[in-house]
Amino acid sequence: MSATPSDRFRARILEAFPAHAARDGWTEAAFKAAVAEAGLSEGEAALACPKGAFDLFDAFAARADAAMLERLEALDLAAMKVRQRVRAAVQLRLEAQAPYKEAARAMTRALAHPLRAPEAARLLWRTADLIWRALGDVSTDENYYSKRAILSGVLASTYARWFSDDSETSEATWAFLDARIENVMQFEKLKAQLKPVSEGMQSAVGAAARFRYRR
């Protein structure tokens, strides 16, 4: 499917926007500067982004998601353990935004506003969902939601660590990511160990109830 005019205009704005967002924050001033740099009229900008800079939250995140998925396809995921796959996906997501780190920081600050919490949660969830789908997850029960909720938390905390990591290699960030994934894996092990106990207690309670209320 060919891109619509609004898609093409939005892509041009998005190309120019990060540099302005890095200087001026995720603001309408940065948006207008990007529109001018892209050589678009106010009408074309309104067609592409009716809500101005707000509409670029989705576009900026979607571009990073697409780059992450493209790089994931080049990996031999089948030969990797689950934790290695998750680690690779999160690292690739951050590396995709490395050229636009200051703009990503500005976006995070803008999304921290209480009124934008739903949008922040939606974008995090979408990235987590894309990662799990790319890694072959086919769960449909409560695991579907718990996996994405937990990964959303890992993504958010790792981004926060990345923003404070000024090193060229981001080794502190990757070490932080490894620790968060290890925490998740330990939690999953504990949950698996507690499940038989929980099921056993439910059976015992059910038996006691039948005994107490039998006719």
Protein backbone atom coordinates (compact mmCIF):
# COMPACT_ATOMS: atom_id res chain seq x y z
CA MET A 1 0.00 0.00 0.00
CA SER A 2 1.41 3.37 -1.02
CA ALA A 3 1.80 6.06 1.62
CA THR A 4 -0.90 8.70 1.80
CA PRO A 5 -0.04 12.41 1.59
CA SER A 6 -0.52 12.72 5.35
CA ASP A 7 1.89 9.82 5.93
CA ARG A 8 4.50 11.43 3.69
CA PHE A 9 4.12 14.82 5.36
CA ARG A 10 4.35 13.24 8.83
CA ALA A 11 7.51 11.38 7.83
CA ARG A 12 9.12 14.62 6.68
CA ILE A 13 8.20 16.37 9.94
CA LEU A 14 9.47 13.43 11.97
CA GLU A 15 12.79 13.53 10.15
CA ALA A 16 13.36 17.13 11.17
CA PHE A 17 11.67 17.11 14.57
CA PRO A 18 14.17 15.25 16.84
CA ALA A 19 16.89 17.90 16.53
CA HIS A 20 14.43 20.62 17.48
CA ALA A 21 12.94 18.53 20.31
CA ALA A 22 16.43 17.98 21.68
CA ARG A 23 16.84 21.76 21.99
CA ASP A 24 13.33 22.98 22.74
CA GLY A 25 11.69 19.93 24.28
CA TRP A 26 8.64 18.10 22.96
CA THR A 27 6.83 21.38 22.31
CA GLU A 28 4.76 23.14 19.71
CA ALA A 29 7.72 25.45 19.11
CA ALA A 30 9.84 22.46 18.15
CA PHE A 31 6.99 21.15 15.99
CA LYS A 32 6.62 24.42 14.10
CA ALA A 33 10.37 24.62 13.56
CA ALA A 34 10.36 21.10 12.13
CA VAL A 35 7.45 21.94 9.84
CA ALA A 36 9.34 24.97 8.53
CA GLU A 37 12.51 22.91 8.02
CA ALA A 38 10.51 20.26 6.17
CA GLY A 39 9.16 22.96 3.84
CA LEU A 40 5.52 22.21 4.61
CA SER A 41 2.60 24.61 4.84
CA GLU A 42 0.40 24.93 7.92
CA GLY A 43 -2.33 23.05 6.07
CA GLU A 44 -0.02 20.17 5.21
CA ALA A 45 1.20 20.04 8.80
CA ALA A 46 -2.38 19.99 10.07
CA LEU A 47 -3.19 17.15 7.69
CA ALA A 48 -0.22 15.14 8.91
CA CYS A 49 -0.53 15.96 12.61
CA PRO A 50 -3.90 17.45 13.62
CA LYS A 51 -2.77 17.49 17.26
CA GLY A 52 0.64 18.94 16.49
CA ALA A 53 3.57 17.60 18.49
CA PHE A 54 1.24 15.23 20.35
CA ASP A 55 0.75 13.20 17.18
CA LEU A 56 4.50 12.66 16.91
CA PHE A 57 4.61 10.57 20.10
CA ASP A 58 3.15 7.66 18.17
CA ALA A 59 5.21 8.23 15.03
CA PHE A 60 8.50 8.53 16.93
CA ALA A 61 7.82 5.34 18.91
CA ALA A 62 6.62 3.46 15.83
CA ARG A 63 9.82 4.26 13.96
CA ALA A 64 11.91 2.83 16.80
CA ASP A 65 9.67 -0.25 16.97
CA ALA A 66 10.06 -0.85 13.24
CA ALA A 67 13.86 -0.55 13.43
CA MET A 68 13.94 -2.95 16.38
CA LEU A 69 11.84 -5.55 14.59
CA GLU A 70 13.96 -5.30 11.45
CA ARG A 71 17.13 -5.92 13.46
CA LEU A 72 15.53 -8.77 15.38
CA GLU A 73 14.86 -10.58 12.11
CA ALA A 74 18.61 -10.76 11.52
CA LEU A 75 19.18 -12.70 14.76
CA ASP A 76 18.99 -16.46 15.23
CA LEU A 77 16.31 -16.25 17.90
CA ALA A 78 15.69 -19.99 17.87
CA ALA A 79 19.21 -20.57 19.18
CA MET A 80 18.74 -18.14 22.08
CA LYS A 81 17.21 -18.59 25.51
CA VAL A 82 14.12 -16.54 26.35
CA ARG A 83 16.04 -14.12 28.54
CA GLN A 84 18.60 -13.60 25.76
CA ARG A 85 15.84 -12.86 23.26
CA VAL A 86 14.17 -10.34 25.55
CA ARG A 87 17.49 -8.73 26.36
CA ALA A 88 18.37 -8.43 22.66
CA ALA A 89 15.00 -6.91 21.81
CA VAL A 90 15.15 -4.25 24.53
CA GLN A 91 18.75 -3.38 23.67
CA LEU A 92 17.91 -3.09 19.98
CA ARG A 93 14.96 -0.83 20.83
CA LEU A 94 17.21 1.56 22.73
CA GLU A 95 19.95 1.42 20.12
CA ALA A 96 17.40 2.34 17.44
CA GLN A 97 16.81 5.60 19.32
CA ALA A 98 20.45 6.26 20.17
CA PRO A 99 20.80 8.84 17.35
CA TYR A 100 17.76 10.62 18.80
CA LYS A 101 18.49 10.12 22.50
CA GLU A 102 17.83 13.72 23.51
CA ALA A 103 14.54 13.72 21.63
CA ALA A 104 13.60 10.44 23.34
CA ARG A 105 14.41 12.06 26.67
CA ALA A 106 12.22 15.04 25.77
CA MET A 107 9.40 12.71 24.78
CA THR A 108 9.65 10.84 28.09
CA ARG A 109 9.49 14.09 30.02
CA ALA A 110 6.46 15.22 28.04
CA LEU A 111 4.69 11.88 28.59
CA ALA A 112 5.37 12.11 32.33
CA HIS A 113 2.56 14.67 32.57
CA PRO A 114 -0.38 13.05 34.40
CA LEU A 115 -2.78 13.86 31.57
CA ARG A 116 -0.57 11.93 29.15
CA ALA A 117 -0.26 8.81 31.30
CA PRO A 118 -2.69 6.82 29.11
CA GLU A 119 -0.64 7.60 26.00
CA ALA A 120 2.60 6.65 27.75
CA ALA A 121 1.10 3.36 28.91
CA ARG A 122 -0.29 2.62 25.45
CA LEU A 123 3.03 3.14 23.70
CA LEU A 124 4.93 1.05 26.27
CA TRP A 125 2.38 -1.75 26.00
CA ARG A 126 2.54 -1.67 22.19
CA THR A 127 6.32 -2.05 22.21
CA ALA A 128 6.13 -4.87 24.77
CA ASP A 129 3.47 -6.61 22.69
CA LEU A 130 5.50 -6.27 19.49
CA ILE A 131 8.53 -7.74 21.25
CA TRP A 132 6.68 -10.77 22.59
CA ARG A 133 5.02 -11.40 19.24
CA ALA A 134 8.37 -11.17 17.46
CA LEU A 135 9.81 -13.63 19.98
CA GLY A 136 7.07 -16.13 19.17
CA ASP A 137 4.77 -15.70 22.15
CA VAL A 138 1.34 -17.20 21.47
CA SER A 139 -0.12 -17.05 24.99
CA THR A 140 -3.79 -16.13 25.30
CA ASP A 141 -4.40 -16.63 29.03
CA GLU A 142 -3.30 -14.45 31.94
CA ASN A 143 0.32 -14.93 30.81
CA TYR A 144 -0.45 -12.74 27.79
CA TYR A 145 -1.12 -9.77 30.06
CA SER A 146 1.49 -10.49 32.74
CA LYS A 147 4.30 -10.84 30.18
CA ARG A 148 3.48 -7.53 28.57
CA ALA A 149 2.95 -5.72 31.85
CA ILE A 150 6.26 -6.96 33.23
CA LEU A 151 8.14 -6.14 30.03
CA SER A 152 6.59 -2.66 29.99
CA GLY A 153 8.13 -2.12 33.42
CA VAL A 154 11.50 -3.42 32.26
CA LEU A 155 11.40 -1.07 29.26
CA ALA A 156 10.47 1.96 31.34
CA SER A 157 13.13 1.38 34.01
CA THR A 158 15.83 0.59 31.44
CA TYR A 159 15.06 3.77 29.53
CA ALA A 160 15.37 5.74 32.77
CA ARG A 161 18.80 4.18 33.38
CA TRP A 162 19.84 4.82 29.78
CA PHE A 163 19.03 8.52 30.05
CA SER A 164 21.49 8.83 32.95
CA ASP A 165 24.17 6.80 31.15
CA ASP A 166 26.46 9.14 29.21
CA SER A 167 29.03 6.51 28.22
CA GLU A 168 29.58 5.65 24.58
CA THR A 169 29.05 1.91 25.07
CA SER A 170 26.11 2.12 27.51
CA GLU A 171 27.57 -0.82 29.44
CA ALA A 172 25.99 0.38 32.69
CA THR A 173 22.60 0.35 30.97
CA TRP A 174 23.04 -3.18 29.64
CA ALA A 175 24.17 -4.38 33.08
CA PHE A 176 21.06 -2.77 34.55
CA LEU A 177 18.92 -4.48 31.90
CA ASP A 178 20.50 -7.85 32.69
CA ALA A 179 19.71 -7.36 36.38
CA ARG A 180 16.08 -6.47 35.66
CA ILE A 181 15.62 -9.51 33.44
CA GLU A 182 17.22 -11.72 36.12
CA ASN A 183 14.73 -10.32 38.63
CA VAL A 184 11.88 -11.21 36.31
CA MET A 185 13.21 -14.72 35.74
CA GLN A 186 13.52 -15.29 39.49
CA PHE A 187 9.96 -14.07 39.96
CA GLU A 188 8.72 -16.45 37.27
CA LYS A 189 10.52 -19.35 38.95
CA LEU A 190 8.96 -18.46 42.29
CA LYS A 191 5.53 -18.16 40.70
CA ALA A 192 5.94 -21.59 39.10
CA GLN A 193 6.95 -23.08 42.45
CA LEU A 194 4.00 -21.51 44.25
CA LYS A 195 1.43 -22.58 41.66
CA PRO A 196 1.20 -26.24 42.81
CA VAL A 197 0.90 -25.03 46.42
CA SER A 198 -1.87 -22.62 45.44
CA GLU A 199 -3.70 -25.31 43.50
CA GLY A 200 -3.31 -27.70 46.41
CA MET A 201 -4.76 -25.16 48.85
CA GLN A 202 -7.69 -24.54 46.53
CA SER A 203 -8.36 -28.29 46.37
CA ALA A 204 -8.13 -28.56 50.15
CA VAL A 205 -10.51 -25.65 50.66
CA GLY A 206 -12.92 -27.17 48.15
CA ALA A 207 -12.82 -30.54 49.93
CA ALA A 208 -13.38 -28.89 53.30
CA ALA A 209 -16.32 -26.95 51.94
CA ARG A 210 -17.90 -30.09 50.51
CA PHE A 211 -17.41 -31.86 53.86
CA ARG A 212 -18.86 -28.93 55.84
CA TYR A 213 -21.88 -28.39 53.65
CA ARG A 214 -22.60 -31.92 52.47
CA ARG A 215 -26.17 -33.02 52.85
